[in-house]
Amino acid sequence: DGDLILRTSDGVDFNIHKLLLGLASAPLRDMTTLGDQAAKRTDVVVVSVPETSEIFTVLLRYIYPVPKEHITSLDQISALMDVAQKYDLQA
């Protein structure tokens, strides 16, 4: 029951909390203040991101206080590192 929707490049919506996202990443926090003007729904802001839902699923597991999954694919590790650097996420 978040107050923000992150829409990935493959059309998956993640209903998340702006506060947690903003604490984890200043660039993502800044993106959420704008949102997609045409995609606003009542009090929920929609922000489109160029990454896939597979990458954002893993990324959000690191932002939210939930059990972390083990990443075994080198491609996924590389993509996650790129996204973490892009959004200035700290380990």
C-alpha atoms as a PDB file:
ATOM      1  CA  ASP A   1       0.000   0.000   0.000  1.00  0.00           C
ATOM      2  CA  GLY A   2       2.614   2.509  -1.073  1.00  0.00           C
ATOM      3  CA  ASP A   3       2.241   6.036  -2.319  1.00  0.00           C
ATOM      4  CA  LEU A   4       4.305   5.587  -5.482  1.00  0.00           C
ATOM      5  CA  ILE A   5       4.244   3.271  -8.468  1.00  0.00           C
ATOM      6  CA  LEU A   6       7.488   2.434 -10.243  1.00  0.00           C
ATOM      7  CA  ARG A   7       6.688   1.213 -13.765  1.00  0.00           C
ATOM      8  CA  THR A   8       9.461  -0.833 -15.346  1.00  0.00           C
ATOM      9  CA  SER A   9      10.362  -1.058 -19.018  1.00  0.00           C
ATOM     10  CA  ASP A  10       8.485  -4.352 -19.317  1.00  0.00           C
ATOM     11  CA  GLY A  11       5.282  -2.796 -17.954  1.00  0.00           C
ATOM     12  CA  VAL A  12       5.351  -4.152 -14.394  1.00  0.00           C
ATOM     13  CA  ASP A  13       4.142  -1.793 -11.646  1.00  0.00           C
ATOM     14  CA  PHE A  14       5.710  -1.820  -8.186  1.00  0.00           C
ATOM     15  CA  ASN A  15       3.607  -0.138  -5.510  1.00  0.00           C
ATOM     16  CA  ILE A  16       6.214   1.232  -3.109  1.00  0.00           C
ATOM     17  CA  HIS A  17       6.793   3.857  -0.423  1.00  0.00           C
ATOM     18  CA  LYS A  18       8.440   7.146  -1.425  1.00  0.00           C
ATOM     19  CA  LEU A  19      10.025   7.535   1.995  1.00  0.00           C
ATOM     20  CA  LEU A  20      11.972   4.256   1.844  1.00  0.00           C
ATOM     21  CA  LEU A  21      12.989   4.850  -1.750  1.00  0.00           C
ATOM     22  CA  GLY A  22      14.116   8.385  -0.965  1.00  0.00           C
ATOM     23  CA  LEU A  23      16.183   7.247   2.001  1.00  0.00           C
ATOM     24  CA  ALA A  24      17.979   4.694  -0.167  1.00  0.00           C
ATOM     25  CA  SER A  25      18.597   6.852  -3.244  1.00  0.00           C
ATOM     26  CA  ALA A  26      18.695  10.607  -3.831  1.00  0.00           C
ATOM     27  CA  PRO A  27      18.312  10.232  -7.633  1.00  0.00           C
ATOM     28  CA  LEU A  28      15.221   8.027  -7.198  1.00  0.00           C
ATOM     29  CA  ARG A  29      13.844  10.454  -4.603  1.00  0.00           C
ATOM     30  CA  ASP A  30      14.255  13.303  -7.094  1.00  0.00           C
ATOM     31  CA  MET A  31      12.514  11.290  -9.833  1.00  0.00           C
ATOM     32  CA  THR A  32       9.521  10.667  -7.569  1.00  0.00           C
ATOM     33  CA  THR A  33       8.862  14.360  -7.076  1.00  0.00           C
ATOM     34  CA  LEU A  34       8.076  14.696 -10.781  1.00  0.00           C
ATOM     35  CA  GLY A  35       6.506  11.416 -11.818  1.00  0.00           C
ATOM     36  CA  ASP A  36       4.786  10.892 -15.140  1.00  0.00           C
ATOM     37  CA  GLN A  37       2.350  13.788 -15.320  1.00  0.00           C
ATOM     38  CA  ALA A  38      -0.086  11.872 -17.519  1.00  0.00           C
ATOM     39  CA  ALA A  39       0.077   8.771 -15.341  1.00  0.00           C
ATOM     40  CA  LYS A  40      -0.947  10.254 -11.982  1.00  0.00           C
ATOM     41  CA  ARG A  41      -3.779   8.371 -10.295  1.00  0.00           C
ATOM     42  CA  THR A  42      -5.353  10.172  -7.350  1.00  0.00           C
ATOM     43  CA  ASP A  43      -2.652  10.420  -4.661  1.00  0.00           C
ATOM     44  CA  VAL A  44      -0.341   7.860  -6.242  1.00  0.00           C
ATOM     45  CA  VAL A  45       2.505   9.089  -8.442  1.00  0.00           C
ATOM     46  CA  VAL A  46       3.668   6.872 -11.314  1.00  0.00           C
ATOM     47  CA  VAL A  47       7.340   6.964 -12.302  1.00  0.00           C
ATOM     48  CA  SER A  48       8.614   5.053 -15.324  1.00  0.00           C
ATOM     49  CA  VAL A  49      12.106   3.578 -15.126  1.00  0.00           C
ATOM     50  CA  PRO A  50      14.126   2.073 -17.999  1.00  0.00           C
ATOM     51  CA  GLU A  51      15.090  -1.062 -16.066  1.00  0.00           C
ATOM     52  CA  THR A  52      13.256  -4.397 -16.178  1.00  0.00           C
ATOM     53  CA  SER A  53      11.085  -5.808 -13.421  1.00  0.00           C
ATOM     54  CA  GLU A  54      13.655  -8.573 -12.837  1.00  0.00           C
ATOM     55  CA  ILE A  55      16.301  -6.013 -11.873  1.00  0.00           C
ATOM     56  CA  PHE A  56      13.927  -3.845  -9.829  1.00  0.00           C
ATOM     57  CA  THR A  57      12.652  -6.871  -7.901  1.00  0.00           C
ATOM     58  CA  VAL A  58      16.183  -7.552  -6.680  1.00  0.00           C
ATOM     59  CA  LEU A  59      16.902  -3.856  -6.128  1.00  0.00           C
ATOM     60  CA  LEU A  60      13.778  -3.351  -4.015  1.00  0.00           C
ATOM     61  CA  ARG A  61      14.663  -6.400  -1.898  1.00  0.00           C
ATOM     62  CA  TYR A  62      17.818  -4.554  -0.892  1.00  0.00           C
ATOM     63  CA  ILE A  63      15.955  -1.325  -0.119  1.00  0.00           C
ATOM     64  CA  TYR A  64      13.119  -2.914   1.859  1.00  0.00           C
ATOM     65  CA  PRO A  65      13.703  -4.748   5.147  1.00  0.00           C
ATOM     66  CA  VAL A  66      12.877  -8.201   3.762  1.00  0.00           C
ATOM     67  CA  PRO A  67      14.960 -11.372   3.369  1.00  0.00           C
ATOM     68  CA  LYS A  68      17.512 -11.011   0.587  1.00  0.00           C
ATOM     69  CA  GLU A  69      17.690 -13.532  -2.217  1.00  0.00           C
ATOM     70  CA  HIS A  70      21.006 -15.002  -3.312  1.00  0.00           C
ATOM     71  CA  ILE A  71      22.096 -13.818  -6.733  1.00  0.00           C
ATOM     72  CA  THR A  72      23.960 -16.434  -8.740  1.00  0.00           C
ATOM     73  CA  SER A  73      23.837 -15.084 -12.293  1.00  0.00           C
ATOM     74  CA  LEU A  74      26.814 -12.945 -13.322  1.00  0.00           C
ATOM     75  CA  ASP A  75      24.576 -11.062 -15.758  1.00  0.00           C
ATOM     76  CA  GLN A  76      22.159 -10.201 -12.954  1.00  0.00           C
ATOM     77  CA  ILE A  77      25.017  -9.145 -10.653  1.00  0.00           C
ATOM     78  CA  SER A  78      26.431  -6.905 -13.370  1.00  0.00           C
ATOM     79  CA  ALA A  79      23.038  -5.352 -14.139  1.00  0.00           C
ATOM     80  CA  LEU A  80      22.326  -4.820 -10.446  1.00  0.00           C
ATOM     81  CA  MET A  81      25.704  -3.145  -9.915  1.00  0.00           C
ATOM     82  CA  ASP A  82      25.036  -0.817 -12.860  1.00  0.00           C
ATOM     83  CA  VAL A  83      21.629   0.152 -11.453  1.00  0.00           C
ATOM     84  CA  ALA A  84      23.009   0.580  -7.932  1.00  0.00           C
ATOM     85  CA  GLN A  85      25.671   2.927  -9.275  1.00  0.00           C
ATOM     86  CA  LYS A  86      23.176   4.793 -11.478  1.00  0.00           C
ATOM     87  CA  TYR A  87      20.835   5.440  -8.539  1.00  0.00           C
ATOM     88  CA  ASP A  88      23.667   6.008  -6.026  1.00  0.00           C
ATOM     89  CA  LEU A  89      22.608   3.161  -3.732  1.00  0.00           C
ATOM     90  CA  GLN A  90      24.859   2.326  -0.810  1.00  0.00           C
ATOM     91  CA  ALA A  91      25.650  -1.230   0.257  1.00  0.00           C
END
